[in-house]
Amino acid sequence: MRIDGSLARPRLQALLRRHGELVRFAIVGASTFVVDTAVFLLLENTILEPKPVTAKIVAVLVATIVGYLANREWSFRARGGLARPREATLYFVVSGIALLVNAAPLGVSRYVLHLATPYVSAFTEQAADLVSAQVVGTLLAMAFRWWAFRRWVFPAALAD
């Protein structure tokens, strides 16, 4: 079966109609991942070098603010119905829990597994920090946020 532009476009539109909210959430997540990673690496390699978990928490907080604005206005624009102050409060409570989920793998890597100098090389420490904070932590937190945002923060679809 040949898929040309005339067949692919309706399939893409159907996919977006069916899963558009998830696609938009993923795009916002990818964008906030970039913000989170940039802030984390900047802080971890400068003023918060001896405190990587603090650097991660600050990075997640910055990314959370960006994420709230983008999710509210784009990803979940057809959901909600909660008063904005309540919605924002729930968003930041859920994000606070997700922050702990996100930082936990880095804490385990650094302080339980001792993947830090002098036990390992500086390169291994940086690689372990990046994988535990930016891959494992982010994936766990993303799954939690998707579930919790749809359940509590942006609960009811206002339009299909």
N, C-alpha and C. Protein backbone atom coordinates (compact mmCIF):
# COMPACT_ATOMS: atom_id res chain seq x y z
N MET A 1 0.85 -1.17 0.00
CA MET A 1 0.00 0.00 0.00
C MET A 1 0.89 1.24 0.00
N ARG A 2 0.60 2.12 -0.90
CA ARG A 2 1.37 3.35 -1.03
C ARG A 2 0.74 4.45 -0.18
N ILE A 3 1.58 5.10 0.62
CA ILE A 3 1.08 6.22 1.41
C ILE A 3 1.66 7.49 0.82
N ASP A 4 0.81 8.27 0.20
CA ASP A 4 1.26 9.56 -0.30
C ASP A 4 0.66 10.66 0.56
N GLY A 5 0.90 11.89 0.19
CA GLY A 5 0.42 13.02 0.98
C GLY A 5 -1.08 13.02 1.17
N SER A 6 -1.82 12.55 0.16
CA SER A 6 -3.28 12.58 0.27
C SER A 6 -3.80 11.56 1.28
N LEU A 7 -3.07 10.48 1.49
CA LEU A 7 -3.49 9.49 2.49
C LEU A 7 -2.92 9.78 3.87
N ALA A 8 -1.71 10.33 3.91
CA ALA A 8 -1.05 10.58 5.19
C ALA A 8 -1.72 11.72 5.95
N ARG A 9 -2.15 12.75 5.26
CA ARG A 9 -2.74 13.92 5.93
C ARG A 9 -3.99 13.56 6.72
N PRO A 10 -4.96 12.82 6.16
CA PRO A 10 -6.13 12.47 6.98
C PRO A 10 -5.77 11.58 8.18
N ARG A 11 -4.79 10.72 8.00
CA ARG A 11 -4.37 9.88 9.12
C ARG A 11 -3.73 10.71 10.22
N LEU A 12 -2.90 11.68 9.82
CA LEU A 12 -2.29 12.57 10.81
C LEU A 12 -3.36 13.40 11.52
N GLN A 13 -4.32 13.91 10.77
CA GLN A 13 -5.39 14.70 11.38
C GLN A 13 -6.22 13.84 12.33
N ALA A 14 -6.49 12.60 11.95
CA ALA A 14 -7.23 11.69 12.84
C ALA A 14 -6.43 11.40 14.11
N LEU A 15 -5.13 11.21 13.96
CA LEU A 15 -4.27 10.96 15.11
C LEU A 15 -4.30 12.17 16.05
N LEU A 16 -4.21 13.37 15.49
CA LEU A 16 -4.23 14.56 16.33
C LEU A 16 -5.59 14.78 16.98
N ARG A 17 -6.67 14.47 16.26
CA ARG A 17 -8.00 14.57 16.88
C ARG A 17 -8.12 13.61 18.05
N ARG A 18 -7.61 12.42 17.85
CA ARG A 18 -7.75 11.39 18.87
C ARG A 18 -6.75 11.56 20.02
N HIS A 19 -5.52 11.96 19.69
CA HIS A 19 -4.46 12.03 20.69
C HIS A 19 -3.79 13.40 20.74
N GLY A 20 -4.47 14.43 20.27
CA GLY A 20 -3.87 15.75 20.20
C GLY A 20 -3.43 16.29 21.55
N GLU A 21 -4.21 16.04 22.56
CA GLU A 21 -3.86 16.50 23.90
C GLU A 21 -2.54 15.88 24.35
N LEU A 22 -2.37 14.59 24.10
CA LEU A 22 -1.14 13.90 24.46
C LEU A 22 0.04 14.43 23.64
N VAL A 23 -0.18 14.66 22.35
CA VAL A 23 0.88 15.20 21.49
C VAL A 23 1.30 16.58 21.97
N ARG A 24 0.33 17.44 22.27
CA ARG A 24 0.66 18.78 22.77
C ARG A 24 1.38 18.70 24.12
N PHE A 25 0.91 17.81 25.01
CA PHE A 25 1.57 17.61 26.30
C PHE A 25 3.02 17.17 26.09
N ALA A 26 3.25 16.28 25.13
CA ALA A 26 4.60 15.81 24.85
C ALA A 26 5.48 16.93 24.29
N ILE A 27 4.92 17.78 23.44
CA ILE A 27 5.70 18.90 22.90
C ILE A 27 6.05 19.89 24.01
N VAL A 28 5.09 20.19 24.87
CA VAL A 28 5.38 21.06 26.02
C VAL A 28 6.43 20.39 26.90
N GLY A 29 6.28 19.11 27.12
CA GLY A 29 7.25 18.38 27.94
C GLY A 29 8.65 18.42 27.34
N ALA A 30 8.75 18.26 26.02
CA ALA A 30 10.06 18.33 25.37
C ALA A 30 10.66 19.73 25.53
N SER A 31 9.82 20.74 25.40
CA SER A 31 10.31 22.12 25.55
C SER A 31 10.77 22.38 26.98
N THR A 32 9.99 21.94 27.95
CA THR A 32 10.38 22.17 29.34
C THR A 32 11.58 21.29 29.73
N PHE A 33 11.74 20.16 29.05
CA PHE A 33 12.92 19.32 29.25
C PHE A 33 14.18 20.10 28.86
N VAL A 34 14.10 20.82 27.75
CA VAL A 34 15.24 21.64 27.30
C VAL A 34 15.53 22.73 28.33
N VAL A 35 14.48 23.40 28.80
CA VAL A 35 14.65 24.44 29.83
C VAL A 35 15.27 23.83 31.08
N ASP A 36 14.71 22.72 31.54
CA ASP A 36 15.19 22.04 32.74
C ASP A 36 16.66 21.64 32.59
N THR A 37 16.99 21.03 31.49
CA THR A 37 18.36 20.56 31.27
C THR A 37 19.34 21.73 31.21
N ALA A 38 18.98 22.79 30.49
CA ALA A 38 19.87 23.94 30.38
C ALA A 38 20.11 24.59 31.74
N VAL A 39 19.04 24.80 32.50
CA VAL A 39 19.20 25.43 33.82
C VAL A 39 19.98 24.51 34.75
N PHE A 40 19.68 23.21 34.73
CA PHE A 40 20.39 22.25 35.59
C PHE A 40 21.88 22.25 35.29
N LEU A 41 22.25 22.13 34.02
CA LEU A 41 23.67 22.08 33.66
C LEU A 41 24.37 23.40 33.98
N LEU A 42 23.70 24.52 33.75
CA LEU A 42 24.27 25.81 34.06
C LEU A 42 24.55 25.94 35.56
N LEU A 43 23.56 25.61 36.37
CA LEU A 43 23.72 25.73 37.82
C LEU A 43 24.70 24.71 38.38
N GLU A 44 24.60 23.47 37.89
CA GLU A 44 25.47 22.41 38.42
C GLU A 44 26.94 22.66 38.09
N ASN A 45 27.19 23.36 37.01
CA ASN A 45 28.58 23.63 36.62
C ASN A 45 29.06 25.03 37.01
N THR A 46 28.24 25.77 37.76
CA THR A 46 28.65 27.11 38.19
C THR A 46 28.36 27.26 39.69
N ILE A 47 27.39 28.06 40.03
CA ILE A 47 27.18 28.46 41.43
C ILE A 47 26.69 27.35 42.35
N LEU A 48 26.08 26.29 41.80
CA LEU A 48 25.61 25.20 42.66
C LEU A 48 26.38 23.91 42.41
N GLU A 49 27.64 24.03 42.02
CA GLU A 49 28.46 22.85 41.73
C GLU A 49 28.49 21.84 42.87
N PRO A 50 28.64 22.27 44.12
CA PRO A 50 28.68 21.27 45.20
C PRO A 50 27.29 20.77 45.62
N LYS A 51 26.23 21.31 45.02
CA LYS A 51 24.87 20.95 45.42
C LYS A 51 24.03 20.57 44.19
N PRO A 52 24.26 19.39 43.61
CA PRO A 52 23.55 19.02 42.38
C PRO A 52 22.05 18.83 42.57
N VAL A 53 21.64 18.35 43.72
CA VAL A 53 20.20 18.15 43.95
C VAL A 53 19.50 19.51 44.03
N THR A 54 20.13 20.48 44.68
CA THR A 54 19.57 21.84 44.72
C THR A 54 19.49 22.42 43.31
N ALA A 55 20.52 22.21 42.50
CA ALA A 55 20.50 22.67 41.11
C ALA A 55 19.35 22.03 40.35
N LYS A 56 19.11 20.75 40.60
CA LYS A 56 18.01 20.06 39.92
C LYS A 56 16.67 20.62 40.36
N ILE A 57 16.50 20.88 41.62
CA ILE A 57 15.24 21.41 42.13
C ILE A 57 14.96 22.79 41.54
N VAL A 58 15.96 23.66 41.49
CA VAL A 58 15.77 24.99 40.90
C VAL A 58 15.42 24.86 39.42
N ALA A 59 16.10 23.97 38.72
CA ALA A 59 15.83 23.77 37.29
C ALA A 59 14.41 23.29 37.06
N VAL A 60 13.95 22.37 37.87
CA VAL A 60 12.59 21.86 37.73
C VAL A 60 11.57 22.96 38.05
N LEU A 61 11.85 23.79 39.03
CA LEU A 61 10.93 24.88 39.36
C LEU A 61 10.79 25.86 38.19
N VAL A 62 11.89 26.22 37.56
CA VAL A 62 11.84 27.11 36.40
C VAL A 62 11.04 26.46 35.28
N ALA A 63 11.34 25.19 35.00
CA ALA A 63 10.63 24.47 33.94
C ALA A 63 9.14 24.30 34.27
N THR A 64 8.80 24.18 35.54
CA THR A 64 7.41 24.03 35.96
C THR A 64 6.60 25.28 35.67
N ILE A 65 7.18 26.43 35.90
CA ILE A 65 6.48 27.68 35.60
C ILE A 65 6.22 27.79 34.11
N VAL A 66 7.23 27.50 33.30
CA VAL A 66 7.06 27.51 31.84
C VAL A 66 6.00 26.48 31.44
N GLY A 67 6.06 25.30 32.04
CA GLY A 67 5.12 24.23 31.72
C GLY A 67 3.68 24.57 32.07
N TYR A 68 3.47 25.22 33.20
CA TYR A 68 2.10 25.59 33.57
C TYR A 68 1.49 26.50 32.52
N LEU A 69 2.22 27.52 32.14
CA LEU A 69 1.69 28.46 31.15
C LEU A 69 1.39 27.77 29.83
N ALA A 70 2.30 26.93 29.37
CA ALA A 70 2.10 26.24 28.08
C ALA A 70 0.99 25.19 28.16
N ASN A 71 0.95 24.42 29.25
CA ASN A 71 -0.10 23.41 29.38
C ASN A 71 -1.48 24.05 29.52
N ARG A 72 -1.57 25.11 30.31
CA ARG A 72 -2.86 25.77 30.51
C ARG A 72 -3.39 26.36 29.20
N GLU A 73 -2.51 27.03 28.47
CA GLU A 73 -2.95 27.75 27.28
C GLU A 73 -2.95 26.91 26.01
N TRP A 74 -2.29 25.75 26.02
CA TRP A 74 -2.21 24.99 24.78
C TRP A 74 -2.58 23.52 24.97
N SER A 75 -1.86 22.78 25.80
CA SER A 75 -2.08 21.34 25.92
C SER A 75 -3.49 20.99 26.39
N PHE A 76 -3.93 21.65 27.47
CA PHE A 76 -5.20 21.33 28.09
C PHE A 76 -6.21 22.46 27.95
N ARG A 77 -6.13 23.20 26.86
CA ARG A 77 -7.01 24.37 26.69
C ARG A 77 -8.48 23.99 26.63
N ALA A 78 -8.80 22.77 26.24
CA ALA A 78 -10.20 22.34 26.16
C ALA A 78 -10.68 21.68 27.46
N ARG A 79 -9.84 21.68 28.46
CA ARG A 79 -10.19 21.08 29.75
C ARG A 79 -10.24 22.14 30.82
N GLY A 80 -10.63 21.72 31.95
CA GLY A 80 -10.57 22.62 33.10
C GLY A 80 -11.93 22.95 33.63
N GLY A 81 -12.17 24.19 33.87
CA GLY A 81 -13.40 24.60 34.49
C GLY A 81 -13.17 25.00 35.93
N LEU A 82 -11.97 24.73 36.45
CA LEU A 82 -11.62 25.15 37.80
C LEU A 82 -11.25 26.63 37.77
N ALA A 83 -11.47 27.30 38.87
CA ALA A 83 -11.02 28.68 38.98
C ALA A 83 -9.50 28.71 38.84
N ARG A 84 -8.97 29.70 38.16
CA ARG A 84 -7.53 29.75 37.89
C ARG A 84 -6.67 29.64 39.15
N PRO A 85 -6.99 30.34 40.24
CA PRO A 85 -6.13 30.19 41.43
C PRO A 85 -6.10 28.75 41.95
N ARG A 86 -7.26 28.09 41.95
CA ARG A 86 -7.31 26.69 42.40
C ARG A 86 -6.56 25.79 41.44
N GLU A 87 -6.77 26.00 40.16
CA GLU A 87 -6.08 25.22 39.13
C GLU A 87 -4.57 25.38 39.26
N ALA A 88 -4.11 26.61 39.41
CA ALA A 88 -2.67 26.87 39.54
C ALA A 88 -2.12 26.22 40.81
N THR A 89 -2.87 26.31 41.90
CA THR A 89 -2.43 25.69 43.15
C THR A 89 -2.29 24.18 42.98
N LEU A 90 -3.30 23.55 42.39
CA LEU A 90 -3.23 22.10 42.15
C LEU A 90 -2.07 21.75 41.22
N TYR A 91 -1.87 22.58 40.19
CA TYR A 91 -0.77 22.33 39.24
C TYR A 91 0.56 22.33 39.98
N PHE A 92 0.76 23.32 40.85
CA PHE A 92 2.04 23.41 41.55
C PHE A 92 2.18 22.36 42.65
N VAL A 93 1.08 21.92 43.25
CA VAL A 93 1.15 20.82 44.22
C VAL A 93 1.55 19.53 43.50
N VAL A 94 0.87 19.24 42.39
CA VAL A 94 1.21 18.04 41.61
C VAL A 94 2.66 18.15 41.12
N SER A 95 3.05 19.32 40.66
CA SER A 95 4.42 19.51 40.18
C SER A 95 5.43 19.39 41.31
N GLY A 96 5.05 19.79 42.51
CA GLY A 96 5.94 19.62 43.67
C GLY A 96 6.18 18.15 43.97
N ILE A 97 5.12 17.36 43.88
CA ILE A 97 5.27 15.92 44.07
C ILE A 97 6.13 15.35 42.94
N ALA A 98 5.87 15.82 41.71
CA ALA A 98 6.66 15.36 40.57
C ALA A 98 8.12 15.78 40.70
N LEU A 99 8.36 16.92 41.33
CA LEU A 99 9.74 17.37 41.58
C LEU A 99 10.48 16.35 42.44
N LEU A 100 9.81 15.86 43.47
CA LEU A 100 10.43 14.83 44.33
C LEU A 100 10.67 13.55 43.54
N VAL A 101 9.70 13.18 42.71
CA VAL A 101 9.86 12.00 41.85
C VAL A 101 11.05 12.21 40.92
N ASN A 102 11.17 13.43 40.37
CA ASN A 102 12.24 13.74 39.43
C ASN A 102 13.61 13.75 40.11
N ALA A 103 13.72 14.29 41.30
CA ALA A 103 15.01 14.42 41.99
C ALA A 103 15.46 13.12 42.67
N ALA A 104 14.53 12.22 42.94
CA ALA A 104 14.86 11.00 43.67
C ALA A 104 15.95 10.16 42.99
N PRO A 105 15.87 9.89 41.68
CA PRO A 105 16.94 9.09 41.07
C PRO A 105 18.32 9.74 41.18
N LEU A 106 18.40 11.07 41.11
CA LEU A 106 19.68 11.75 41.27
C LEU A 106 20.19 11.57 42.70
N GLY A 107 19.30 11.70 43.67
CA GLY A 107 19.70 11.48 45.06
C GLY A 107 20.19 10.07 45.29
N VAL A 108 19.51 9.10 44.71
CA VAL A 108 19.94 7.69 44.84
C VAL A 108 21.30 7.50 44.17
N SER A 109 21.45 8.06 42.97
CA SER A 109 22.71 7.93 42.24
C SER A 109 23.88 8.51 43.03
N ARG A 110 23.69 9.71 43.55
CA ARG A 110 24.78 10.40 44.25
C ARG A 110 25.03 9.85 45.65
N TYR A 111 23.95 9.67 46.42
CA TYR A 111 24.13 9.44 47.86
C TYR A 111 23.91 8.00 48.31
N VAL A 112 23.30 7.19 47.49
CA VAL A 112 23.14 5.77 47.84
C VAL A 112 24.15 4.92 47.07
N LEU A 113 24.23 5.17 45.76
CA LEU A 113 25.17 4.41 44.92
C LEU A 113 26.57 5.03 44.90
N HIS A 114 26.72 6.22 45.46
CA HIS A 114 28.00 6.93 45.53
C HIS A 114 28.65 7.13 44.17
N LEU A 115 27.84 7.48 43.18
CA LEU A 115 28.37 7.76 41.85
C LEU A 115 28.82 9.22 41.78
N ALA A 116 29.81 9.52 42.61
CA ALA A 116 30.35 10.88 42.72
C ALA A 116 31.83 10.78 43.05
N THR A 117 32.57 11.83 42.69
CA THR A 117 33.98 11.83 43.04
C THR A 117 34.09 11.89 44.56
N PRO A 118 34.99 11.27 45.20
CA PRO A 118 36.18 10.57 44.71
C PRO A 118 35.95 9.09 44.40
N TYR A 119 34.72 8.61 44.51
CA TYR A 119 34.45 7.19 44.28
C TYR A 119 34.51 6.82 42.79
N VAL A 120 34.17 7.77 41.93
CA VAL A 120 34.21 7.55 40.48
C VAL A 120 34.86 8.77 39.84
N SER A 121 35.16 8.66 38.56
CA SER A 121 35.77 9.79 37.85
C SER A 121 34.76 10.92 37.67
N ALA A 122 35.28 12.11 37.38
CA ALA A 122 34.40 13.27 37.15
C ALA A 122 33.48 13.01 35.96
N PHE A 123 33.99 12.35 34.93
CA PHE A 123 33.16 12.04 33.77
C PHE A 123 32.01 11.11 34.14
N THR A 124 32.33 10.07 34.91
CA THR A 124 31.29 9.13 35.35
C THR A 124 30.26 9.84 36.21
N GLU A 125 30.70 10.71 37.09
CA GLU A 125 29.79 11.48 37.92
C GLU A 125 28.83 12.30 37.06
N GLN A 126 29.38 13.02 36.08
CA GLN A 126 28.54 13.85 35.20
C GLN A 126 27.56 12.99 34.40
N ALA A 127 28.04 11.87 33.88
CA ALA A 127 27.16 10.98 33.11
C ALA A 127 26.05 10.40 33.99
N ALA A 128 26.42 9.97 35.20
CA ALA A 128 25.42 9.42 36.12
C ALA A 128 24.40 10.48 36.52
N ASP A 129 24.86 11.71 36.75
CA ASP A 129 23.95 12.81 37.08
C ASP A 129 22.97 13.05 35.93
N LEU A 130 23.49 13.11 34.72
CA LEU A 130 22.65 13.40 33.57
C LEU A 130 21.62 12.29 33.34
N VAL A 131 22.04 11.04 33.42
CA VAL A 131 21.12 9.93 33.19
C VAL A 131 20.09 9.84 34.31
N SER A 132 20.53 9.94 35.55
CA SER A 132 19.58 9.79 36.66
C SER A 132 18.61 10.96 36.75
N ALA A 133 19.10 12.18 36.55
CA ALA A 133 18.24 13.36 36.69
C ALA A 133 17.43 13.64 35.43
N GLN A 134 18.08 13.57 34.28
CA GLN A 134 17.44 14.02 33.06
C GLN A 134 16.75 12.92 32.26
N VAL A 135 17.06 11.68 32.52
CA VAL A 135 16.40 10.59 31.79
C VAL A 135 15.44 9.86 32.73
N VAL A 136 15.98 9.19 33.72
CA VAL A 136 15.15 8.39 34.62
C VAL A 136 14.16 9.27 35.39
N GLY A 137 14.65 10.31 36.03
CA GLY A 137 13.78 11.19 36.80
C GLY A 137 12.73 11.86 35.96
N THR A 138 13.12 12.34 34.78
CA THR A 138 12.18 13.03 33.91
C THR A 138 11.10 12.09 33.40
N LEU A 139 11.45 10.88 33.02
CA LEU A 139 10.44 9.92 32.54
C LEU A 139 9.45 9.55 33.64
N LEU A 140 9.94 9.31 34.83
CA LEU A 140 9.04 8.98 35.94
C LEU A 140 8.12 10.15 36.26
N ALA A 141 8.68 11.34 36.32
CA ALA A 141 7.88 12.53 36.64
C ALA A 141 6.88 12.83 35.53
N MET A 142 7.26 12.61 34.28
CA MET A 142 6.35 12.88 33.16
C MET A 142 5.12 11.97 33.23
N ALA A 143 5.34 10.71 33.49
CA ALA A 143 4.21 9.78 33.59
C ALA A 143 3.29 10.18 34.74
N PHE A 144 3.88 10.51 35.86
CA PHE A 144 3.08 10.96 37.00
C PHE A 144 2.31 12.22 36.66
N ARG A 145 2.94 13.22 36.05
CA ARG A 145 2.26 14.48 35.72
C ARG A 145 1.10 14.26 34.75
N TRP A 146 1.31 13.46 33.71
CA TRP A 146 0.25 13.20 32.72
C TRP A 146 -0.99 12.67 33.43
N TRP A 147 -0.80 11.69 34.28
CA TRP A 147 -1.92 11.09 35.01
C TRP A 147 -2.57 12.11 35.96
N ALA A 148 -1.76 12.79 36.75
CA ALA A 148 -2.29 13.70 37.77
C ALA A 148 -2.91 14.96 37.18
N PHE A 149 -2.32 15.50 36.13
CA PHE A 149 -2.89 16.70 35.51
C PHE A 149 -4.28 16.41 34.97
N ARG A 150 -4.42 15.29 34.28
CA ARG A 150 -5.73 14.95 33.70
C ARG A 150 -6.74 14.61 34.79
N ARG A 151 -6.29 14.04 35.87
CA ARG A 151 -7.21 13.64 36.93
C ARG A 151 -7.64 14.80 37.82
N TRP A 152 -6.69 15.65 38.23
CA TRP A 152 -7.02 16.66 39.24
C TRP A 152 -6.92 18.11 38.76
N VAL A 153 -5.94 18.43 37.93
CA VAL A 153 -5.71 19.84 37.60
C VAL A 153 -6.61 20.30 36.47
N PHE A 154 -6.68 19.52 35.40
CA PHE A 154 -7.52 19.85 34.25
C PHE A 154 -8.50 18.70 34.06
N PRO A 155 -9.47 18.53 34.96
CA PRO A 155 -10.22 17.27 35.05
C PRO A 155 -11.29 17.01 33.98
N ALA A 156 -12.03 18.01 33.57
CA ALA A 156 -13.18 17.73 32.72
C ALA A 156 -13.01 18.37 31.36
N ALA A 157 -13.30 17.60 30.32
CA ALA A 157 -13.23 18.16 28.99
C ALA A 157 -14.42 19.11 28.81
N LEU A 158 -14.12 20.32 28.34
CA LEU A 158 -15.18 21.29 28.10
C LEU A 158 -15.71 21.16 26.68
N ALA A 159 -14.88 20.66 25.80
CA ALA A 159 -15.29 20.49 24.39
C ALA A 159 -14.54 19.29 23.84
N ASP A 160 -15.18 18.55 22.98
CA ASP A 160 -14.53 17.40 22.35
C ASP A 160 -13.82 17.83 21.09
